[in-house]
Amino acid sequence: MQDRIPLRYEKGHLVLYVWLINPKRPNDPRRVRFIIDTGSTHTYLRPNDLIRLDINHQTLDATGTVNLSGTTYNHVPLKELTMILLAGQNRENQDQFLQRNVLLNTLRPTDEEQPIPHHLPALLGMDFLIEQKLSLHIIPTEELAYLEVSDEETNKTVNG
């Protein structure tokens, strides 16, 4: 059976909780909440998440702009992070986790006088699903949703 990464339904959204690790702080993982957004081309961390991960995005170059909720922001690629995802349980009911190196992005205001709203969530976009070879499965009648790992990626599972 393929690994299934469980998603949660929260206030009408599909949500994925992960732990992210900044290579500068390998023993200090931080929990991050992503809303699954298949309409988003890219995955974005919130500024508050960057602070908690000790990432200074101000020194990184923007590679373009993106429009979210009617506002234009700079698209800023981040350096590689490590992501830990819950991937179900093994036969002994021990949690299993997937560890992945990921390239994520953040948003920076194009106008410094208009900061990014605090209510804007971290978004997990199509780039993440494609790069990580994950398929999205939703069964609304059962309130069941999960990401499924392709066969070739399942060998990267580790026990907790």
N, C-alpha and C. Protein backbone atom coordinates (compact mmCIF):
# COMPACT_ATOMS: atom_id res chain seq x y z
N MET A 1 0.83 -1.18 0.00
CA MET A 1 0.00 0.00 0.00
C MET A 1 0.88 1.25 0.00
N GLN A 2 0.44 2.25 -0.69
CA GLN A 2 1.19 3.49 -0.77
C GLN A 2 0.98 4.31 0.50
N ASP A 3 1.98 5.14 0.81
CA ASP A 3 1.87 6.02 1.97
C ASP A 3 0.79 7.06 1.73
N ARG A 4 -0.01 7.29 2.77
CA ARG A 4 -1.05 8.32 2.72
C ARG A 4 -0.74 9.37 3.78
N ILE A 5 -0.69 10.59 3.35
CA ILE A 5 -0.46 11.72 4.24
C ILE A 5 -1.82 12.32 4.56
N PRO A 6 -2.28 12.19 5.79
CA PRO A 6 -3.65 12.64 6.11
C PRO A 6 -3.77 14.16 6.07
N LEU A 7 -4.90 14.61 5.57
CA LEU A 7 -5.26 16.03 5.58
C LEU A 7 -6.42 16.21 6.54
N ARG A 8 -6.61 17.43 7.00
CA ARG A 8 -7.72 17.74 7.89
C ARG A 8 -8.68 18.68 7.18
N TYR A 9 -9.96 18.59 7.54
CA TYR A 9 -10.94 19.59 7.14
C TYR A 9 -11.03 20.60 8.28
N GLU A 10 -10.74 21.87 7.99
CA GLU A 10 -10.86 22.93 8.99
C GLU A 10 -11.54 24.13 8.37
N LYS A 11 -12.71 24.47 8.86
CA LYS A 11 -13.47 25.64 8.39
C LYS A 11 -13.60 25.66 6.88
N GLY A 12 -13.91 24.51 6.29
CA GLY A 12 -14.13 24.43 4.85
C GLY A 12 -12.87 24.32 4.01
N HIS A 13 -11.71 24.20 4.65
CA HIS A 13 -10.45 24.10 3.92
C HIS A 13 -9.78 22.75 4.19
N LEU A 14 -9.02 22.28 3.22
CA LEU A 14 -8.16 21.13 3.43
C LEU A 14 -6.83 21.64 3.97
N VAL A 15 -6.38 21.07 5.08
CA VAL A 15 -5.20 21.58 5.78
C VAL A 15 -4.19 20.46 5.97
N LEU A 16 -2.92 20.82 5.79
CA LEU A 16 -1.80 19.91 6.03
C LEU A 16 -0.89 20.55 7.07
N TYR A 17 -0.61 19.80 8.15
CA TYR A 17 0.35 20.24 9.16
C TYR A 17 1.66 19.51 8.91
N VAL A 18 2.75 20.26 8.91
CA VAL A 18 4.08 19.68 8.70
C VAL A 18 5.04 20.31 9.71
N TRP A 19 6.23 19.74 9.80
CA TRP A 19 7.32 20.36 10.54
C TRP A 19 8.35 20.78 9.50
N LEU A 20 8.82 22.01 9.62
CA LEU A 20 9.88 22.51 8.73
C LEU A 20 11.14 22.74 9.55
N ILE A 21 12.27 22.46 8.90
CA ILE A 21 13.57 22.63 9.56
C ILE A 21 14.45 23.51 8.69
N ASN A 22 14.93 24.59 9.28
CA ASN A 22 15.89 25.46 8.63
C ASN A 22 17.27 24.82 8.82
N PRO A 23 18.07 24.64 7.75
CA PRO A 23 19.39 24.02 7.90
C PRO A 23 20.29 24.74 8.90
N LYS A 24 20.04 26.03 9.13
CA LYS A 24 20.82 26.78 10.12
C LYS A 24 20.47 26.35 11.54
N ARG A 25 19.31 25.72 11.72
CA ARG A 25 18.84 25.29 13.04
C ARG A 25 18.29 23.86 12.94
N PRO A 26 19.16 22.88 12.67
CA PRO A 26 18.68 21.52 12.40
C PRO A 26 17.96 20.84 13.56
N ASN A 27 18.15 21.30 14.78
CA ASN A 27 17.49 20.67 15.93
C ASN A 27 16.30 21.48 16.43
N ASP A 28 15.76 22.35 15.58
CA ASP A 28 14.67 23.23 15.99
C ASP A 28 13.54 23.22 14.96
N PRO A 29 12.85 22.06 14.79
CA PRO A 29 11.75 22.03 13.82
C PRO A 29 10.59 22.89 14.28
N ARG A 30 9.88 23.46 13.30
CA ARG A 30 8.72 24.30 13.59
C ARG A 30 7.51 23.77 12.85
N ARG A 31 6.38 23.70 13.56
CA ARG A 31 5.14 23.23 12.96
C ARG A 31 4.52 24.34 12.12
N VAL A 32 4.10 23.98 10.90
CA VAL A 32 3.51 24.94 9.99
C VAL A 32 2.20 24.37 9.45
N ARG A 33 1.20 25.23 9.36
CA ARG A 33 -0.12 24.86 8.84
C ARG A 33 -0.27 25.41 7.43
N PHE A 34 -0.47 24.51 6.46
CA PHE A 34 -0.70 24.89 5.08
C PHE A 34 -2.15 24.62 4.70
N ILE A 35 -2.74 25.53 3.94
CA ILE A 35 -4.03 25.27 3.31
C ILE A 35 -3.73 24.77 1.90
N ILE A 36 -4.34 23.65 1.52
CA ILE A 36 -4.16 23.10 0.18
C ILE A 36 -4.90 24.01 -0.80
N ASP A 37 -4.18 24.53 -1.80
CA ASP A 37 -4.77 25.44 -2.77
C ASP A 37 -4.36 25.00 -4.17
N THR A 38 -5.19 24.16 -4.80
CA THR A 38 -4.85 23.66 -6.14
C THR A 38 -4.97 24.75 -7.20
N GLY A 39 -5.52 25.90 -6.84
CA GLY A 39 -5.57 27.03 -7.76
C GLY A 39 -4.31 27.88 -7.71
N SER A 40 -3.44 27.58 -6.77
CA SER A 40 -2.18 28.33 -6.64
C SER A 40 -1.07 27.57 -7.36
N THR A 41 -0.35 28.27 -8.20
CA THR A 41 0.76 27.66 -8.93
C THR A 41 1.92 27.35 -7.99
N HIS A 42 2.10 28.17 -6.96
CA HIS A 42 3.25 28.04 -6.06
C HIS A 42 2.83 27.85 -4.62
N THR A 43 3.78 27.40 -3.81
CA THR A 43 3.61 27.21 -2.38
C THR A 43 4.24 28.39 -1.67
N TYR A 44 3.52 28.97 -0.70
CA TYR A 44 3.99 30.17 -0.01
C TYR A 44 3.93 30.00 1.50
N LEU A 45 5.02 30.38 2.17
CA LEU A 45 5.03 30.48 3.62
C LEU A 45 4.63 31.89 4.02
N ARG A 46 4.00 32.01 5.17
CA ARG A 46 3.62 33.31 5.71
C ARG A 46 4.84 33.99 6.35
N PRO A 47 4.84 35.32 6.41
CA PRO A 47 5.94 36.02 7.09
C PRO A 47 6.14 35.56 8.53
N ASN A 48 5.03 35.28 9.25
CA ASN A 48 5.16 34.80 10.63
C ASN A 48 5.89 33.47 10.70
N ASP A 49 5.67 32.60 9.71
CA ASP A 49 6.37 31.31 9.68
C ASP A 49 7.87 31.53 9.46
N LEU A 50 8.21 32.49 8.62
CA LEU A 50 9.62 32.79 8.37
C LEU A 50 10.31 33.26 9.63
N ILE A 51 9.63 34.08 10.41
CA ILE A 51 10.22 34.55 11.67
C ILE A 51 10.47 33.38 12.60
N ARG A 52 9.48 32.50 12.73
CA ARG A 52 9.63 31.33 13.62
C ARG A 52 10.73 30.39 13.15
N LEU A 53 10.98 30.35 11.82
CA LEU A 53 12.03 29.50 11.25
C LEU A 53 13.38 30.20 11.17
N ASP A 54 13.43 31.46 11.60
CA ASP A 54 14.66 32.27 11.55
C ASP A 54 15.19 32.39 10.12
N ILE A 55 14.29 32.76 9.21
CA ILE A 55 14.66 32.97 7.81
C ILE A 55 14.49 34.45 7.48
N ASN A 56 15.56 35.08 7.04
CA ASN A 56 15.52 36.48 6.64
C ASN A 56 15.29 36.54 5.14
N HIS A 57 14.05 36.75 4.74
CA HIS A 57 13.72 36.78 3.31
C HIS A 57 14.06 38.13 2.67
N GLN A 58 14.38 39.13 3.48
CA GLN A 58 14.69 40.46 2.93
C GLN A 58 15.98 40.45 2.12
N THR A 59 16.86 39.48 2.39
CA THR A 59 18.13 39.41 1.66
C THR A 59 18.03 38.59 0.39
N LEU A 60 16.87 37.99 0.15
CA LEU A 60 16.67 37.15 -1.03
C LEU A 60 16.03 37.95 -2.15
N ASP A 61 16.36 37.63 -3.39
CA ASP A 61 15.85 38.35 -4.54
C ASP A 61 14.47 37.85 -4.95
N ALA A 62 13.60 38.78 -5.29
CA ALA A 62 12.30 38.44 -5.86
C ALA A 62 12.50 38.05 -7.32
N THR A 63 11.68 37.11 -7.78
CA THR A 63 11.80 36.64 -9.17
C THR A 63 10.58 36.99 -10.01
N GLY A 64 9.73 37.81 -9.49
CA GLY A 64 8.52 38.20 -10.21
C GLY A 64 7.46 38.66 -9.24
N THR A 65 6.26 38.79 -9.74
CA THR A 65 5.15 39.20 -8.88
C THR A 65 4.01 38.19 -9.00
N VAL A 66 3.14 38.22 -8.00
CA VAL A 66 1.97 37.36 -7.97
C VAL A 66 0.81 38.17 -7.39
N ASN A 67 -0.40 37.89 -7.88
CA ASN A 67 -1.58 38.58 -7.39
C ASN A 67 -2.38 37.62 -6.52
N LEU A 68 -2.57 38.01 -5.27
CA LEU A 68 -3.38 37.23 -4.33
C LEU A 68 -4.42 38.14 -3.70
N SER A 69 -5.65 37.74 -3.76
CA SER A 69 -6.75 38.50 -3.16
C SER A 69 -6.76 39.95 -3.60
N GLY A 70 -6.43 40.19 -4.87
CA GLY A 70 -6.49 41.54 -5.42
C GLY A 70 -5.29 42.42 -5.12
N THR A 71 -4.27 41.87 -4.46
CA THR A 71 -3.08 42.64 -4.14
C THR A 71 -1.87 41.99 -4.81
N THR A 72 -0.96 42.81 -5.33
CA THR A 72 0.24 42.30 -5.98
C THR A 72 1.39 42.24 -4.98
N TYR A 73 2.07 41.09 -4.94
CA TYR A 73 3.20 40.85 -4.06
C TYR A 73 4.40 40.40 -4.89
N ASN A 74 5.59 40.58 -4.32
CA ASN A 74 6.79 40.01 -4.91
C ASN A 74 6.86 38.53 -4.56
N HIS A 75 7.21 37.71 -5.55
CA HIS A 75 7.40 36.26 -5.37
C HIS A 75 8.88 36.05 -5.02
N VAL A 76 9.15 35.49 -3.83
CA VAL A 76 10.52 35.33 -3.35
C VAL A 76 10.80 33.85 -3.07
N PRO A 77 11.63 33.20 -3.91
CA PRO A 77 12.01 31.81 -3.63
C PRO A 77 12.92 31.74 -2.40
N LEU A 78 12.72 30.73 -1.59
CA LEU A 78 13.53 30.52 -0.39
C LEU A 78 14.59 29.46 -0.64
N LYS A 79 15.56 29.40 0.24
CA LYS A 79 16.57 28.34 0.16
C LYS A 79 15.94 27.04 0.67
N GLU A 80 16.58 25.92 0.35
CA GLU A 80 16.03 24.60 0.66
C GLU A 80 15.81 24.41 2.16
N LEU A 81 14.66 23.83 2.48
CA LEU A 81 14.29 23.47 3.85
C LEU A 81 14.01 21.98 3.90
N THR A 82 14.00 21.42 5.09
CA THR A 82 13.60 20.03 5.29
C THR A 82 12.18 20.02 5.82
N MET A 83 11.34 19.17 5.23
CA MET A 83 9.95 19.05 5.65
C MET A 83 9.72 17.63 6.17
N ILE A 84 9.03 17.54 7.31
CA ILE A 84 8.65 16.25 7.90
C ILE A 84 7.13 16.16 7.83
N LEU A 85 6.62 15.08 7.22
CA LEU A 85 5.18 14.87 7.07
C LEU A 85 4.78 13.55 7.71
N LEU A 86 3.64 13.53 8.39
CA LEU A 86 3.09 12.30 8.93
C LEU A 86 2.58 11.46 7.77
N ALA A 87 2.98 10.20 7.71
CA ALA A 87 2.57 9.33 6.60
C ALA A 87 1.86 8.08 7.10
N GLY A 88 1.03 8.24 8.11
CA GLY A 88 0.26 7.10 8.61
C GLY A 88 1.01 6.31 9.67
N GLN A 89 0.57 5.06 9.84
CA GLN A 89 1.17 4.18 10.85
C GLN A 89 1.56 2.86 10.22
N ASN A 90 2.57 2.22 10.80
CA ASN A 90 2.98 0.91 10.32
C ASN A 90 2.14 -0.17 11.02
N ARG A 91 2.47 -1.42 10.80
CA ARG A 91 1.66 -2.53 11.37
C ARG A 91 1.69 -2.56 12.89
N GLU A 92 2.72 -1.99 13.49
CA GLU A 92 2.83 -1.95 14.95
C GLU A 92 2.20 -0.67 15.52
N ASN A 93 1.43 0.05 14.71
CA ASN A 93 0.77 1.30 15.10
C ASN A 93 1.74 2.41 15.50
N GLN A 94 2.95 2.35 14.95
CA GLN A 94 3.91 3.44 15.15
C GLN A 94 3.75 4.44 14.02
N ASP A 95 3.82 5.71 14.39
CA ASP A 95 3.74 6.75 13.36
C ASP A 95 4.91 6.62 12.40
N GLN A 96 4.63 6.82 11.12
CA GLN A 96 5.66 6.86 10.10
C GLN A 96 5.70 8.27 9.53
N PHE A 97 6.88 8.73 9.18
CA PHE A 97 7.06 10.07 8.67
C PHE A 97 7.84 10.05 7.37
N LEU A 98 7.56 11.03 6.54
CA LEU A 98 8.34 11.26 5.33
C LEU A 98 9.20 12.49 5.55
N GLN A 99 10.45 12.38 5.17
CA GLN A 99 11.33 13.54 5.25
C GLN A 99 11.69 13.94 3.83
N ARG A 100 11.47 15.20 3.49
CA ARG A 100 11.71 15.69 2.14
C ARG A 100 12.47 17.01 2.19
N ASN A 101 13.36 17.20 1.25
CA ASN A 101 13.98 18.50 1.04
C ASN A 101 13.07 19.25 0.07
N VAL A 102 12.69 20.47 0.44
CA VAL A 102 11.71 21.21 -0.34
C VAL A 102 12.19 22.63 -0.62
N LEU A 103 11.75 23.13 -1.76
CA LEU A 103 11.97 24.52 -2.12
C LEU A 103 10.62 25.23 -2.07
N LEU A 104 10.50 26.18 -1.15
CA LEU A 104 9.26 26.90 -0.96
C LEU A 104 9.48 28.37 -1.31
N ASN A 105 8.44 29.15 -1.18
CA ASN A 105 8.49 30.57 -1.53
C ASN A 105 7.84 31.37 -0.42
N THR A 106 8.00 32.69 -0.52
CA THR A 106 7.26 33.58 0.35
C THR A 106 6.84 34.80 -0.47
N LEU A 107 6.06 35.64 0.15
CA LEU A 107 5.58 36.85 -0.49
C LEU A 107 6.20 38.05 0.22
N ARG A 108 6.52 39.07 -0.56
CA ARG A 108 7.02 40.33 0.00
C ARG A 108 6.19 41.44 -0.62
N PRO A 109 5.76 42.40 0.18
CA PRO A 109 4.95 43.49 -0.39
C PRO A 109 5.71 44.23 -1.49
N THR A 110 5.00 44.61 -2.54
CA THR A 110 5.61 45.45 -3.57
C THR A 110 5.63 46.89 -3.08
N ASP A 111 4.74 47.21 -2.14
CA ASP A 111 4.67 48.53 -1.54
C ASP A 111 4.86 48.35 -0.04
N GLU A 112 6.00 48.81 0.50
CA GLU A 112 6.30 48.60 1.92
C GLU A 112 5.24 49.18 2.86
N GLU A 113 4.46 50.12 2.36
CA GLU A 113 3.42 50.71 3.20
C GLU A 113 2.17 49.84 3.28
N GLN A 114 2.14 48.77 2.48
CA GLN A 114 1.00 47.85 2.51
C GLN A 114 1.53 46.46 2.87
N PRO A 115 1.68 46.18 4.18
CA PRO A 115 2.24 44.88 4.59
C PRO A 115 1.30 43.72 4.25
N ILE A 116 1.84 42.52 4.31
CA ILE A 116 1.05 41.32 4.06
C ILE A 116 0.10 41.10 5.24
N PRO A 117 -1.18 40.92 4.98
CA PRO A 117 -2.14 40.71 6.08
C PRO A 117 -1.80 39.47 6.90
N HIS A 118 -1.97 39.57 8.21
CA HIS A 118 -1.66 38.44 9.09
C HIS A 118 -2.60 37.25 8.87
N HIS A 119 -3.80 37.52 8.35
CA HIS A 119 -4.76 36.43 8.15
C HIS A 119 -4.47 35.62 6.89
N LEU A 120 -3.55 36.09 6.04
CA LEU A 120 -3.22 35.33 4.83
C LEU A 120 -2.52 34.03 5.23
N PRO A 121 -3.05 32.87 4.84
CA PRO A 121 -2.48 31.60 5.29
C PRO A 121 -1.27 31.18 4.45
N ALA A 122 -0.52 30.22 4.98
CA ALA A 122 0.49 29.55 4.17
C ALA A 122 -0.28 28.68 3.17
N LEU A 123 0.13 28.74 1.91
CA LEU A 123 -0.57 28.01 0.85
C LEU A 123 0.31 26.90 0.29
N LEU A 124 -0.25 25.72 0.16
CA LEU A 124 0.45 24.61 -0.48
C LEU A 124 -0.13 24.49 -1.89
N GLY A 125 0.67 24.84 -2.88
CA GLY A 125 0.20 24.90 -4.26
C GLY A 125 0.58 23.69 -5.09
N MET A 126 0.24 23.79 -6.36
CA MET A 126 0.46 22.68 -7.30
C MET A 126 1.94 22.35 -7.47
N ASP A 127 2.84 23.34 -7.36
CA ASP A 127 4.26 23.07 -7.52
C ASP A 127 4.73 22.01 -6.53
N PHE A 128 4.24 22.09 -5.29
CA PHE A 128 4.64 21.13 -4.26
C PHE A 128 4.13 19.74 -4.60
N LEU A 129 2.87 19.63 -4.99
CA LEU A 129 2.30 18.32 -5.32
C LEU A 129 3.05 17.68 -6.48
N ILE A 130 3.39 18.46 -7.49
CA ILE A 130 4.10 17.94 -8.66
C ILE A 130 5.53 17.55 -8.31
N GLU A 131 6.27 18.45 -7.66
CA GLU A 131 7.68 18.18 -7.33
C GLU A 131 7.83 16.99 -6.38
N GLN A 132 6.90 16.85 -5.46
CA GLN A 132 6.99 15.76 -4.48
C GLN A 132 6.28 14.49 -4.94
N LYS A 133 5.73 14.51 -6.15
CA LYS A 133 5.05 13.35 -6.73
C LYS A 133 3.92 12.85 -5.81
N LEU A 134 3.05 13.79 -5.45
CA LEU A 134 1.92 13.48 -4.58
C LEU A 134 0.62 13.64 -5.35
N SER A 135 -0.33 12.75 -5.07
CA SER A 135 -1.67 12.90 -5.65
C SER A 135 -2.63 13.26 -4.52
N LEU A 136 -3.61 14.09 -4.84
CA LEU A 136 -4.60 14.55 -3.88
C LEU A 136 -5.88 13.74 -4.02
N HIS A 137 -6.36 13.19 -2.91
CA HIS A 137 -7.58 12.38 -2.91
C HIS A 137 -8.56 12.97 -1.91
N ILE A 138 -9.80 13.19 -2.37
CA ILE A 138 -10.83 13.78 -1.52
C ILE A 138 -12.11 12.96 -1.67
N ILE A 139 -12.66 12.54 -0.52
CA ILE A 139 -13.94 11.84 -0.49
C ILE A 139 -14.84 12.64 0.45
N PRO A 140 -15.52 13.66 -0.09
CA PRO A 140 -16.28 14.58 0.77
C PRO A 140 -17.37 13.90 1.59
N THR A 141 -18.02 12.90 1.05
CA THR A 141 -19.11 12.25 1.79
C THR A 141 -18.61 11.55 3.05
N GLU A 142 -17.35 11.21 3.07
CA GLU A 142 -16.75 10.57 4.25
C GLU A 142 -15.87 11.53 5.04
N GLU A 143 -15.80 12.79 4.59
CA GLU A 143 -14.88 13.78 5.16
C GLU A 143 -13.47 13.21 5.26
N LEU A 144 -13.05 12.58 4.18
CA LEU A 144 -11.73 11.96 4.10
C LEU A 144 -10.93 12.64 3.00
N ALA A 145 -9.72 13.02 3.34
CA ALA A 145 -8.83 13.62 2.34
C ALA A 145 -7.39 13.27 2.72
N TYR A 146 -6.59 13.00 1.69
CA TYR A 146 -5.20 12.66 1.94
C TYR A 146 -4.37 12.90 0.68
N LEU A 147 -3.07 13.01 0.90
CA LEU A 147 -2.11 13.03 -0.20
C LEU A 147 -1.53 11.64 -0.27
N GLU A 148 -1.34 11.13 -1.48
CA GLU A 148 -0.78 9.80 -1.63
C GLU A 148 0.56 9.90 -2.32
N VAL A 149 1.52 9.17 -1.78
CA VAL A 149 2.89 9.19 -2.29
C VAL A 149 3.01 8.16 -3.40
N SER A 150 3.68 8.55 -4.50
CA SER A 150 3.87 7.61 -5.61
C SER A 150 4.75 6.44 -5.15
N ASP A 151 4.62 5.29 -5.83
CA ASP A 151 5.37 4.08 -5.47
C ASP A 151 6.86 4.33 -5.37
N GLU A 152 7.42 5.09 -6.31
CA GLU A 152 8.88 5.28 -6.31
C GLU A 152 9.37 6.12 -5.15
N GLU A 153 8.46 6.87 -4.50
CA GLU A 153 8.86 7.72 -3.39
C GLU A 153 8.65 7.06 -2.03
N THR A 154 7.97 5.92 -1.97
CA THR A 154 7.63 5.32 -0.68
C THR A 154 8.84 4.82 0.09
N ASN A 155 9.94 4.57 -0.57
CA ASN A 155 11.11 4.07 0.14
C ASN A 155 11.78 5.14 1.01
N LYS A 156 11.25 6.37 0.99
CA LYS A 156 11.83 7.44 1.79
C LYS A 156 11.10 7.58 3.13
N THR A 157 10.26 6.62 3.49
CA THR A 157 9.52 6.66 4.75
C THR A 157 10.42 6.22 5.90
N VAL A 158 10.32 6.93 7.04
CA VAL A 158 11.07 6.56 8.22
C VAL A 158 10.11 6.40 9.38
N ASN A 159 10.45 5.53 10.33
CA ASN A 159 9.60 5.31 11.50
C ASN A 159 9.88 6.38 12.53
N GLY A 160 8.82 6.74 13.31
CA GLY A 160 8.95 7.76 14.35
C GLY A 160 9.38 7.18 15.65
